[in-house]
């Protein structure tokens, strides 16, 4: 195995884990990191890189599964007897469907047009401005959450959050950012929106991983397993640390710092792209 390629896979896994659950877009960061690292090349062509970036999300999701293992076990155990468990599962299915349907219909067109550094930078900036608007709106209006727990969500609440998640099909938008900020706009508390975003990531990203592996199975071979393993393990460890940190952070902070990070990072990407300082790879 190529040591340099393995190191790049490790870095990509760390980037995935650190950004998957923060409102800053893991897909956007992976596109940018892959471009800077020149991850795609003769030894690992672009088609395999695309699959790699989706598959290593499984590591991040396993981190969430481990963090919430007791709750997940409780839900599974209560599927046929506990109404709260049944309601949560139904709400997750409802929230999962909008992005799944739209992704199935339009993913090829989105990848062909938007999976590049400049569109990602624009999405970073727009997303950051939306987060600033929502946070300032909530403070200015003294908005009180209608829903403090994911157990209190209705199917309509879940559908609204699912529609918000669909915007994350645009790279650079952020799946977690769309679901958390969307949830807050629809009346969820910051904690409830964040936890529902975590739970919704489980079916969403596992489905994307399984679908990508099945669809592109002809591209892959046993020789690719070490790189995929390195990336997935790195994503698991970094995501686990990030999830624990984020849960502590939201107890006393809002998301304004992430909004400014998105805006500044997006401006840097646009500036370096148009000035020629960085030759971003499309």
C-alpha atoms as a PDB file:
ATOM      1  CA  UNK A   1       0.000   0.000   0.000  1.00  0.00           C
ATOM      2  CA  UNK A   2       1.225   3.469  -0.938  1.00  0.00           C
ATOM      3  CA  UNK A   3       2.222   5.232   2.315  1.00  0.00           C
ATOM      4  CA  UNK A   4       1.457   8.721   0.980  1.00  0.00           C
ATOM      5  CA  UNK A   5      -1.965   7.602  -0.248  1.00  0.00           C
ATOM      6  CA  UNK A   6      -2.646   5.987   3.134  1.00  0.00           C
ATOM      7  CA  UNK A   7      -1.724   9.253   4.889  1.00  0.00           C
ATOM      8  CA  UNK A   8      -4.098  11.151   2.618  1.00  0.00           C
ATOM      9  CA  UNK A   9      -6.865   8.637   3.425  1.00  0.00           C
ATOM     10  CA  UNK A  10      -6.173   9.180   7.127  1.00  0.00           C
ATOM     11  CA  UNK A  11      -6.447  12.965   6.759  1.00  0.00           C
ATOM     12  CA  UNK A  12      -9.672  12.626   4.769  1.00  0.00           C
ATOM     13  CA  UNK A  13     -11.126  10.396   7.489  1.00  0.00           C
ATOM     14  CA  UNK A  14     -10.246  12.905  10.193  1.00  0.00           C
ATOM     15  CA  UNK A  15     -11.806  15.726   8.160  1.00  0.00           C
ATOM     16  CA  UNK A  16     -14.993  13.685   7.706  1.00  0.00           C
ATOM     17  CA  UNK A  17     -15.299  12.879  11.398  1.00  0.00           C
ATOM     18  CA  UNK A  18     -14.635  16.433  12.587  1.00  0.00           C
ATOM     19  CA  UNK A  19     -17.079  18.049  10.156  1.00  0.00           C
ATOM     20  CA  UNK A  20     -19.954  15.554   9.773  1.00  0.00           C
ATOM     21  CA  UNK A  21     -21.963  16.748  12.772  1.00  0.00           C
ATOM     22  CA  UNK A  22     -20.927  20.396  12.865  1.00  0.00           C
ATOM     23  CA  UNK A  23     -22.956  22.863  10.763  1.00  0.00           C
ATOM     24  CA  UNK A  24     -20.029  23.440   8.392  1.00  0.00           C
ATOM     25  CA  UNK A  25     -20.520  20.711   5.714  1.00  0.00           C
ATOM     26  CA  UNK A  26     -18.470  17.535   5.714  1.00  0.00           C
ATOM     27  CA  UNK A  27     -18.983  17.048   1.964  1.00  0.00           C
ATOM     28  CA  UNK A  28     -17.729  20.536   1.247  1.00  0.00           C
ATOM     29  CA  UNK A  29     -14.650  20.041   3.416  1.00  0.00           C
ATOM     30  CA  UNK A  30     -13.925  16.659   1.824  1.00  0.00           C
ATOM     31  CA  UNK A  31     -14.109  18.193  -1.659  1.00  0.00           C
ATOM     32  CA  UNK A  32     -11.717  20.946  -0.617  1.00  0.00           C
ATOM     33  CA  UNK A  33      -9.373  18.628   1.294  1.00  0.00           C
ATOM     34  CA  UNK A  34      -9.307  16.171  -1.596  1.00  0.00           C
ATOM     35  CA  UNK A  35      -8.487  19.001  -3.984  1.00  0.00           C
ATOM     36  CA  UNK A  36      -5.633  20.324  -1.817  1.00  0.00           C
ATOM     37  CA  UNK A  37      -4.224  16.839  -1.218  1.00  0.00           C
ATOM     38  CA  UNK A  38      -4.612  15.795  -4.860  1.00  0.00           C
ATOM     39  CA  UNK A  39      -6.225  12.668  -3.435  1.00  0.00           C
ATOM     40  CA  UNK A  40      -7.543  11.556  -6.811  1.00  0.00           C
ATOM     41  CA  UNK A  41      -4.884  10.302  -9.180  1.00  0.00           C
ATOM     42  CA  UNK A  42      -3.653   7.299 -11.141  1.00  0.00           C
ATOM     43  CA  UNK A  43      -3.418   5.131  -8.009  1.00  0.00           C
ATOM     44  CA  UNK A  44      -6.863   6.140  -6.757  1.00  0.00           C
ATOM     45  CA  UNK A  45      -9.066   7.534  -9.559  1.00  0.00           C
ATOM     46  CA  UNK A  46     -11.797  10.137  -9.045  1.00  0.00           C
ATOM     47  CA  UNK A  47     -14.577   7.539  -9.265  1.00  0.00           C
ATOM     48  CA  UNK A  48     -13.123   5.631  -6.300  1.00  0.00           C
ATOM     49  CA  UNK A  49     -12.560   8.852  -4.361  1.00  0.00           C
ATOM     50  CA  UNK A  50     -16.277   9.656  -4.713  1.00  0.00           C
ATOM     51  CA  UNK A  51     -17.172   6.255  -3.228  1.00  0.00           C
ATOM     52  CA  UNK A  52     -14.526   6.621  -0.504  1.00  0.00           C
ATOM     53  CA  UNK A  53     -15.952   9.971   0.622  1.00  0.00           C
ATOM     54  CA  UNK A  54     -19.402   8.417   1.049  1.00  0.00           C
ATOM     55  CA  UNK A  55     -18.297   5.144   2.636  1.00  0.00           C
ATOM     56  CA  UNK A  56     -16.162   6.730   5.375  1.00  0.00           C
ATOM     57  CA  UNK A  57     -19.333   8.455   6.605  1.00  0.00           C
ATOM     58  CA  UNK A  58     -20.170   5.064   8.099  1.00  0.00           C
ATOM     59  CA  UNK A  59     -17.351   5.595  10.588  1.00  0.00           C
ATOM     60  CA  UNK A  60     -18.884   8.877  11.722  1.00  0.00           C
ATOM     61  CA  UNK A  61     -22.325   7.278  12.045  1.00  0.00           C
ATOM     62  CA  UNK A  62     -20.934   4.394  14.079  1.00  0.00           C
ATOM     63  CA  UNK A  63     -19.586   7.016  16.485  1.00  0.00           C
ATOM     64  CA  UNK A  64     -23.128   8.346  16.973  1.00  0.00           C
ATOM     65  CA  UNK A  65     -24.447   4.814  17.384  1.00  0.00           C
ATOM     66  CA  UNK A  66     -21.887   4.210  20.109  1.00  0.00           C
ATOM     67  CA  UNK A  67     -22.579   7.504  21.887  1.00  0.00           C
ATOM     68  CA  UNK A  68     -26.328   6.810  21.888  1.00  0.00           C
ATOM     69  CA  UNK A  69     -26.087   3.028  22.193  1.00  0.00           C
ATOM     70  CA  UNK A  70     -28.336   2.875  25.259  1.00  0.00           C
ATOM     71  CA  UNK A  71     -31.048   4.969  23.611  1.00  0.00           C
ATOM     72  CA  UNK A  72     -30.821   3.021  20.357  1.00  0.00           C
ATOM     73  CA  UNK A  73     -31.056  -0.294  22.224  1.00  0.00           C
ATOM     74  CA  UNK A  74     -34.086   1.045  24.088  1.00  0.00           C
ATOM     75  CA  UNK A  75     -35.786   2.071  20.851  1.00  0.00           C
ATOM     76  CA  UNK A  76     -35.107  -1.267  19.199  1.00  0.00           C
ATOM     77  CA  UNK A  77     -36.304  -3.144  22.261  1.00  0.00           C
ATOM     78  CA  UNK A  78     -39.500  -1.063  22.418  1.00  0.00           C
ATOM     79  CA  UNK A  79     -40.463  -1.178  18.746  1.00  0.00           C
ATOM     80  CA  UNK A  80     -43.483  -3.392  19.444  1.00  0.00           C
ATOM     81  CA  UNK A  81     -44.450  -2.080  22.876  1.00  0.00           C
ATOM     82  CA  UNK A  82     -43.219   1.472  23.529  1.00  0.00           C
ATOM     83  CA  UNK A  83     -45.183   4.262  21.830  1.00  0.00           C
ATOM     84  CA  UNK A  84     -42.313   6.758  22.207  1.00  0.00           C
ATOM     85  CA  UNK A  85     -39.941   4.377  20.452  1.00  0.00           C
ATOM     86  CA  UNK A  86     -42.473   3.763  17.696  1.00  0.00           C
ATOM     87  CA  UNK A  87     -43.064   7.508  17.255  1.00  0.00           C
ATOM     88  CA  UNK A  88     -39.320   8.199  16.968  1.00  0.00           C
ATOM     89  CA  UNK A  89     -38.835   5.502  14.332  1.00  0.00           C
ATOM     90  CA  UNK A  90     -41.828   6.732  12.321  1.00  0.00           C
ATOM     91  CA  UNK A  91     -40.568  10.307  12.509  1.00  0.00           C
ATOM     92  CA  UNK A  92     -37.106   9.246  11.343  1.00  0.00           C
ATOM     93  CA  UNK A  93     -38.600   7.416   8.360  1.00  0.00           C
ATOM     94  CA  UNK A  94     -40.701  10.467   7.451  1.00  0.00           C
ATOM     95  CA  UNK A  95     -37.721  12.821   7.799  1.00  0.00           C
ATOM     96  CA  UNK A  96     -35.500  10.480   5.780  1.00  0.00           C
ATOM     97  CA  UNK A  97     -37.751  10.342   2.705  1.00  0.00           C
ATOM     98  CA  UNK A  98     -37.458  13.862   1.175  1.00  0.00           C
ATOM     99  CA  UNK A  99     -33.664  13.767   0.829  1.00  0.00           C
ATOM    100  CA  UNK A 100     -33.719  10.097  -0.225  1.00  0.00           C
ATOM    101  CA  UNK A 101     -36.222  10.713  -3.024  1.00  0.00           C
ATOM    102  CA  UNK A 102     -34.641  13.925  -4.289  1.00  0.00           C
ATOM    103  CA  UNK A 103     -31.154  12.429  -4.022  1.00  0.00           C
ATOM    104  CA  UNK A 104     -32.197   9.398  -6.062  1.00  0.00           C
ATOM    105  CA  UNK A 105     -33.709  11.626  -8.753  1.00  0.00           C
ATOM    106  CA  UNK A 106     -31.120  14.388  -8.998  1.00  0.00           C
ATOM    107  CA  UNK A 107     -27.802  13.193  -7.484  1.00  0.00           C
ATOM    108  CA  UNK A 108     -26.078  12.772 -10.855  1.00  0.00           C
ATOM    109  CA  UNK A 109     -26.960  16.294 -11.977  1.00  0.00           C
ATOM    110  CA  UNK A 110     -25.927  17.762  -8.634  1.00  0.00           C
ATOM    111  CA  UNK A 111     -22.555  15.980  -8.723  1.00  0.00           C
ATOM    112  CA  UNK A 112     -21.919  17.055 -12.312  1.00  0.00           C
ATOM    113  CA  UNK A 113     -22.563  20.747 -11.631  1.00  0.00           C
ATOM    114  CA  UNK A 114     -21.958  21.523  -7.956  1.00  0.00           C
ATOM    115  CA  UNK A 115     -19.218  19.178  -6.689  1.00  0.00           C
ATOM    116  CA  UNK A 116     -16.399  21.706  -7.119  1.00  0.00           C
ATOM    117  CA  UNK A 117     -14.607  24.177  -4.817  1.00  0.00           C
ATOM    118  CA  UNK A 118     -16.240  27.412  -6.027  1.00  0.00           C
ATOM    119  CA  UNK A 119     -19.878  26.226  -5.737  1.00  0.00           C
ATOM    120  CA  UNK A 120     -18.977  24.791  -2.318  1.00  0.00           C
ATOM    121  CA  UNK A 121     -17.546  28.163  -1.255  1.00  0.00           C
ATOM    122  CA  UNK A 122     -20.723  29.942  -2.305  1.00  0.00           C
ATOM    123  CA  UNK A 123     -22.817  27.412  -0.347  1.00  0.00           C
ATOM    124  CA  UNK A 124     -20.552  27.972   2.683  1.00  0.00           C
ATOM    125  CA  UNK A 125     -21.231  31.707   2.596  1.00  0.00           C
ATOM    126  CA  UNK A 126     -24.973  31.443   1.983  1.00  0.00           C
ATOM    127  CA  UNK A 127     -25.322  28.841   4.741  1.00  0.00           C
ATOM    128  CA  UNK A 128     -23.355  31.012   7.147  1.00  0.00           C
ATOM    129  CA  UNK A 129     -25.594  34.006   6.459  1.00  0.00           C
ATOM    130  CA  UNK A 130     -28.691  31.878   7.086  1.00  0.00           C
ATOM    131  CA  UNK A 131     -27.306  30.655  10.429  1.00  0.00           C
ATOM    132  CA  UNK A 132     -26.578  34.266  11.462  1.00  0.00           C
ATOM    133  CA  UNK A 133     -30.104  35.307  10.476  1.00  0.00           C
ATOM    134  CA  UNK A 134     -31.741  32.472  12.421  1.00  0.00           C
ATOM    135  CA  UNK A 135     -29.647  33.040  15.543  1.00  0.00           C
ATOM    136  CA  UNK A 136     -30.260  36.798  15.548  1.00  0.00           C
ATOM    137  CA  UNK A 137     -33.956  36.273  14.805  1.00  0.00           C
ATOM    138  CA  UNK A 138     -34.269  33.928  17.771  1.00  0.00           C
ATOM    139  CA  UNK A 139     -32.486  36.342  20.102  1.00  0.00           C
ATOM    140  CA  UNK A 140     -34.348  39.394  18.842  1.00  0.00           C
ATOM    141  CA  UNK A 141     -37.756  37.814  19.215  1.00  0.00           C
ATOM    142  CA  UNK A 142     -37.038  35.916  22.434  1.00  0.00           C
ATOM    143  CA  UNK A 143     -38.214  32.774  20.691  1.00  0.00           C
ATOM    144  CA  UNK A 144     -39.094  29.913  23.008  1.00  0.00           C
ATOM    145  CA  UNK A 145     -38.846  26.344  21.777  1.00  0.00           C
ATOM    146  CA  UNK A 146     -42.122  24.551  21.238  1.00  0.00           C
ATOM    147  CA  UNK A 147     -40.412  21.156  21.431  1.00  0.00           C
ATOM    148  CA  UNK A 148     -37.774  20.353  24.044  1.00  0.00           C
ATOM    149  CA  UNK A 149     -37.365  16.635  23.310  1.00  0.00           C
ATOM    150  CA  UNK A 150     -37.308  14.503  20.170  1.00  0.00           C
ATOM    151  CA  UNK A 151     -39.976  12.381  21.841  1.00  0.00           C
ATOM    152  CA  UNK A 152     -42.424  15.288  21.534  1.00  0.00           C
ATOM    153  CA  UNK A 153     -42.046  15.716  17.768  1.00  0.00           C
ATOM    154  CA  UNK A 154     -45.028  15.126  15.485  1.00  0.00           C
ATOM    155  CA  UNK A 155     -44.866  13.576  11.992  1.00  0.00           C
ATOM    156  CA  UNK A 156     -45.325  17.073  10.557  1.00  0.00           C
ATOM    157  CA  UNK A 157     -42.322  18.319  12.545  1.00  0.00           C
ATOM    158  CA  UNK A 158     -40.289  15.408  11.205  1.00  0.00           C
ATOM    159  CA  UNK A 159     -41.380  16.107   7.635  1.00  0.00           C
ATOM    160  CA  UNK A 160     -40.350  19.756   7.926  1.00  0.00           C
ATOM    161  CA  UNK A 161     -36.902  18.787   9.225  1.00  0.00           C
ATOM    162  CA  UNK A 162     -36.637  16.212   6.434  1.00  0.00           C
ATOM    163  CA  UNK A 163     -37.357  18.916   3.849  1.00  0.00           C
ATOM    164  CA  UNK A 164     -34.637  21.050   5.440  1.00  0.00           C
ATOM    165  CA  UNK A 165     -32.219  18.119   5.217  1.00  0.00           C
ATOM    166  CA  UNK A 166     -32.883  17.878   1.477  1.00  0.00           C
ATOM    167  CA  UNK A 167     -31.102  21.211   0.973  1.00  0.00           C
ATOM    168  CA  UNK A 168     -27.920  19.422   2.072  1.00  0.00           C
ATOM    169  CA  UNK A 169     -27.856  17.643  -1.290  1.00  0.00           C
ATOM    170  CA  UNK A 170     -26.126  20.853  -2.377  1.00  0.00           C
ATOM    171  CA  UNK A 171     -22.467  20.352  -1.366  1.00  0.00           C
ATOM    172  CA  UNK A 172     -21.284  22.928   1.126  1.00  0.00           C
ATOM    173  CA  UNK A 173     -24.736  23.336   2.667  1.00  0.00           C
ATOM    174  CA  UNK A 174     -24.183  20.893   5.582  1.00  0.00           C
ATOM    175  CA  UNK A 175     -26.621  18.118   6.400  1.00  0.00           C
ATOM    176  CA  UNK A 176     -26.303  18.710  10.137  1.00  0.00           C
ATOM    177  CA  UNK A 177     -26.537  22.472   9.672  1.00  0.00           C
ATOM    178  CA  UNK A 178     -29.682  22.180   7.558  1.00  0.00           C
ATOM    179  CA  UNK A 179     -31.410  19.836  10.000  1.00  0.00           C
ATOM    180  CA  UNK A 180     -30.358  21.660  13.186  1.00  0.00           C
ATOM    181  CA  UNK A 181     -31.063  25.184  11.971  1.00  0.00           C
ATOM    182  CA  UNK A 182     -34.193  24.014  10.155  1.00  0.00           C
ATOM    183  CA  UNK A 183     -35.383  22.281  13.322  1.00  0.00           C
ATOM    184  CA  UNK A 184     -34.824  25.445  15.354  1.00  0.00           C
ATOM    185  CA  UNK A 185     -36.797  27.469  12.802  1.00  0.00           C
ATOM    186  CA  UNK A 186     -39.665  24.982  13.113  1.00  0.00           C
ATOM    187  CA  UNK A 187     -39.840  25.192  16.906  1.00  0.00           C
ATOM    188  CA  UNK A 188     -37.346  22.615  18.204  1.00  0.00           C
ATOM    189  CA  UNK A 189     -34.981  23.519  21.009  1.00  0.00           C
ATOM    190  CA  UNK A 190     -31.285  23.600  20.141  1.00  0.00           C
ATOM    191  CA  UNK A 191     -30.715  20.334  22.023  1.00  0.00           C
ATOM    192  CA  UNK A 192     -33.723  18.563  20.445  1.00  0.00           C
ATOM    193  CA  UNK A 193     -32.760  19.740  16.948  1.00  0.00           C
ATOM    194  CA  UNK A 194     -29.173  18.566  17.436  1.00  0.00           C
ATOM    195  CA  UNK A 195     -30.165  15.149  18.779  1.00  0.00           C
ATOM    196  CA  UNK A 196     -32.730  14.599  16.018  1.00  0.00           C
ATOM    197  CA  UNK A 197     -30.041  15.544  13.507  1.00  0.00           C
ATOM    198  CA  UNK A 198     -27.786  12.863  15.014  1.00  0.00           C
ATOM    199  CA  UNK A 199     -30.524  10.217  14.902  1.00  0.00           C
ATOM    200  CA  UNK A 200     -31.567  11.172  11.362  1.00  0.00           C
ATOM    201  CA  UNK A 201     -27.967  10.808  10.207  1.00  0.00           C
ATOM    202  CA  UNK A 202     -28.065   7.088  10.997  1.00  0.00           C
ATOM    203  CA  UNK A 203     -30.539   5.971   8.280  1.00  0.00           C
ATOM    204  CA  UNK A 204     -29.534   8.763   5.889  1.00  0.00           C
ATOM    205  CA  UNK A 205     -25.795   8.118   5.795  1.00  0.00           C
ATOM    206  CA  UNK A 206     -25.969   4.345   6.174  1.00  0.00           C
ATOM    207  CA  UNK A 207     -28.373   4.243   3.209  1.00  0.00           C
ATOM    208  CA  UNK A 208     -26.024   6.450   1.168  1.00  0.00           C
ATOM    209  CA  UNK A 209     -23.070   4.207   2.040  1.00  0.00           C
ATOM    210  CA  UNK A 210     -24.831   0.957   1.165  1.00  0.00           C
ATOM    211  CA  UNK A 211     -26.272   2.396  -2.055  1.00  0.00           C
ATOM    212  CA  UNK A 212     -22.891   3.763  -3.155  1.00  0.00           C
ATOM    213  CA  UNK A 213     -21.094   0.477  -2.451  1.00  0.00           C
ATOM    214  CA  UNK A 214     -23.732  -1.478  -4.384  1.00  0.00           C
ATOM    215  CA  UNK A 215     -23.878   0.948  -7.302  1.00  0.00           C
ATOM    216  CA  UNK A 216     -20.094   1.217  -7.728  1.00  0.00           C
ATOM    217  CA  UNK A 217     -19.179  -2.359  -6.733  1.00  0.00           C
ATOM    218  CA  UNK A 218     -17.535  -2.980 -10.105  1.00  0.00           C
ATOM    219  CA  UNK A 219     -15.010  -0.194  -9.394  1.00  0.00           C
ATOM    220  CA  UNK A 220     -13.786  -1.660  -6.126  1.00  0.00           C
ATOM    221  CA  UNK A 221     -11.464  -4.527  -5.285  1.00  0.00           C
ATOM    222  CA  UNK A 222      -9.963  -6.145  -2.199  1.00  0.00           C
ATOM    223  CA  UNK A 223      -6.870  -3.976  -2.697  1.00  0.00           C
ATOM    224  CA  UNK A 224      -8.960  -0.898  -1.829  1.00  0.00           C
ATOM    225  CA  UNK A 225      -9.982  -2.260   1.585  1.00  0.00           C
ATOM    226  CA  UNK A 226      -6.968  -0.898   3.554  1.00  0.00           C
ATOM    227  CA  UNK A 227      -7.571   2.696   2.403  1.00  0.00           C
ATOM    228  CA  UNK A 228     -11.297   2.483   3.125  1.00  0.00           C
ATOM    229  CA  UNK A 229     -10.558   0.985   6.543  1.00  0.00           C
ATOM    230  CA  UNK A 230      -8.074   3.733   7.444  1.00  0.00           C
ATOM    231  CA  UNK A 231     -10.536   6.443   6.443  1.00  0.00           C
ATOM    232  CA  UNK A 232     -13.471   4.831   8.250  1.00  0.00           C
ATOM    233  CA  UNK A 233     -11.574   4.245  11.514  1.00  0.00           C
ATOM    234  CA  UNK A 234     -10.208   7.810  11.459  1.00  0.00           C
ATOM    235  CA  UNK A 235     -13.721   9.139  10.864  1.00  0.00           C
ATOM    236  CA  UNK A 236     -15.075   7.084  13.777  1.00  0.00           C
ATOM    237  CA  UNK A 237     -12.506   8.346  16.295  1.00  0.00           C
ATOM    238  CA  UNK A 238     -12.654  12.004  15.271  1.00  0.00           C
ATOM    239  CA  UNK A 239     -16.470  11.989  15.040  1.00  0.00           C
ATOM    240  CA  UNK A 240     -16.799  10.417  18.481  1.00  0.00           C
ATOM    241  CA  UNK A 241     -14.689  13.182  20.019  1.00  0.00           C
ATOM    242  CA  UNK A 242     -16.546  15.843  18.039  1.00  0.00           C
ATOM    243  CA  UNK A 243     -20.038  14.615  19.021  1.00  0.00           C
ATOM    244  CA  UNK A 244     -19.160  14.643  22.714  1.00  0.00           C
ATOM    245  CA  UNK A 245     -17.699  18.125  22.410  1.00  0.00           C
ATOM    246  CA  UNK A 246     -20.705  19.450  20.451  1.00  0.00           C
ATOM    247  CA  UNK A 247     -23.215  18.187  23.027  1.00  0.00           C
ATOM    248  CA  UNK A 248     -21.325  20.102  25.730  1.00  0.00           C
ATOM    249  CA  UNK A 249     -20.927  23.168  23.529  1.00  0.00           C
ATOM    250  CA  UNK A 250     -24.606  23.645  22.677  1.00  0.00           C
ATOM    251  CA  UNK A 251     -25.576  23.620  26.346  1.00  0.00           C
ATOM    252  CA  UNK A 252     -24.248  27.155  26.678  1.00  0.00           C
ATOM    253  CA  UNK A 253     -23.459  28.459  23.166  1.00  0.00           C
ATOM    254  CA  UNK A 254     -25.218  29.194  19.880  1.00  0.00           C
ATOM    255  CA  UNK A 255     -23.980  28.488  16.334  1.00  0.00           C
ATOM    256  CA  UNK A 256     -22.805  31.992  15.463  1.00  0.00           C
ATOM    257  CA  UNK A 257     -19.119  31.022  15.510  1.00  0.00           C
ATOM    258  CA  UNK A 258     -19.779  28.349  12.889  1.00  0.00           C
ATOM    259  CA  UNK A 259     -21.607  30.882  10.727  1.00  0.00           C
ATOM    260  CA  UNK A 260     -18.623  33.243  10.721  1.00  0.00           C
ATOM    261  CA  UNK A 261     -16.271  30.316  10.069  1.00  0.00           C
ATOM    262  CA  UNK A 262     -18.345  29.340   7.019  1.00  0.00           C
ATOM    263  CA  UNK A 263     -18.416  32.889   5.672  1.00  0.00           C
ATOM    264  CA  UNK A 264     -14.695  33.542   6.160  1.00  0.00           C
ATOM    265  CA  UNK A 265     -13.671  30.132   4.822  1.00  0.00           C
ATOM    266  CA  UNK A 266     -15.910  30.587   1.785  1.00  0.00           C
ATOM    267  CA  UNK A 267     -14.415  34.007   1.061  1.00  0.00           C
ATOM    268  CA  UNK A 268     -10.888  32.594   1.356  1.00  0.00           C
ATOM    269  CA  UNK A 269     -11.719  29.847  -1.141  1.00  0.00           C
ATOM    270  CA  UNK A 270     -13.238  32.307  -3.615  1.00  0.00           C
ATOM    271  CA  UNK A 271     -10.347  34.717  -3.189  1.00  0.00           C
ATOM    272  CA  UNK A 272      -7.662  32.083  -3.707  1.00  0.00           C
ATOM    273  CA  UNK A 273      -9.540  30.537  -6.627  1.00  0.00           C
ATOM    274  CA  UNK A 274     -10.010  33.772  -8.570  1.00  0.00           C
ATOM    275  CA  UNK A 275      -6.575  35.167  -7.736  1.00  0.00           C
ATOM    276  CA  UNK A 276      -4.841  31.952  -8.750  1.00  0.00           C
ATOM    277  CA  UNK A 277      -3.060  31.592  -5.394  1.00  0.00           C
ATOM    278  CA  UNK A 278      -4.466  28.063  -5.070  1.00  0.00           C
ATOM    279  CA  UNK A 279      -5.086  25.926  -8.147  1.00  0.00           C
ATOM    280  CA  UNK A 280      -8.237  24.212  -6.894  1.00  0.00           C
ATOM    281  CA  UNK A 281      -8.847  20.939  -8.711  1.00  0.00           C
ATOM    282  CA  UNK A 282     -12.364  20.646 -10.123  1.00  0.00           C
END
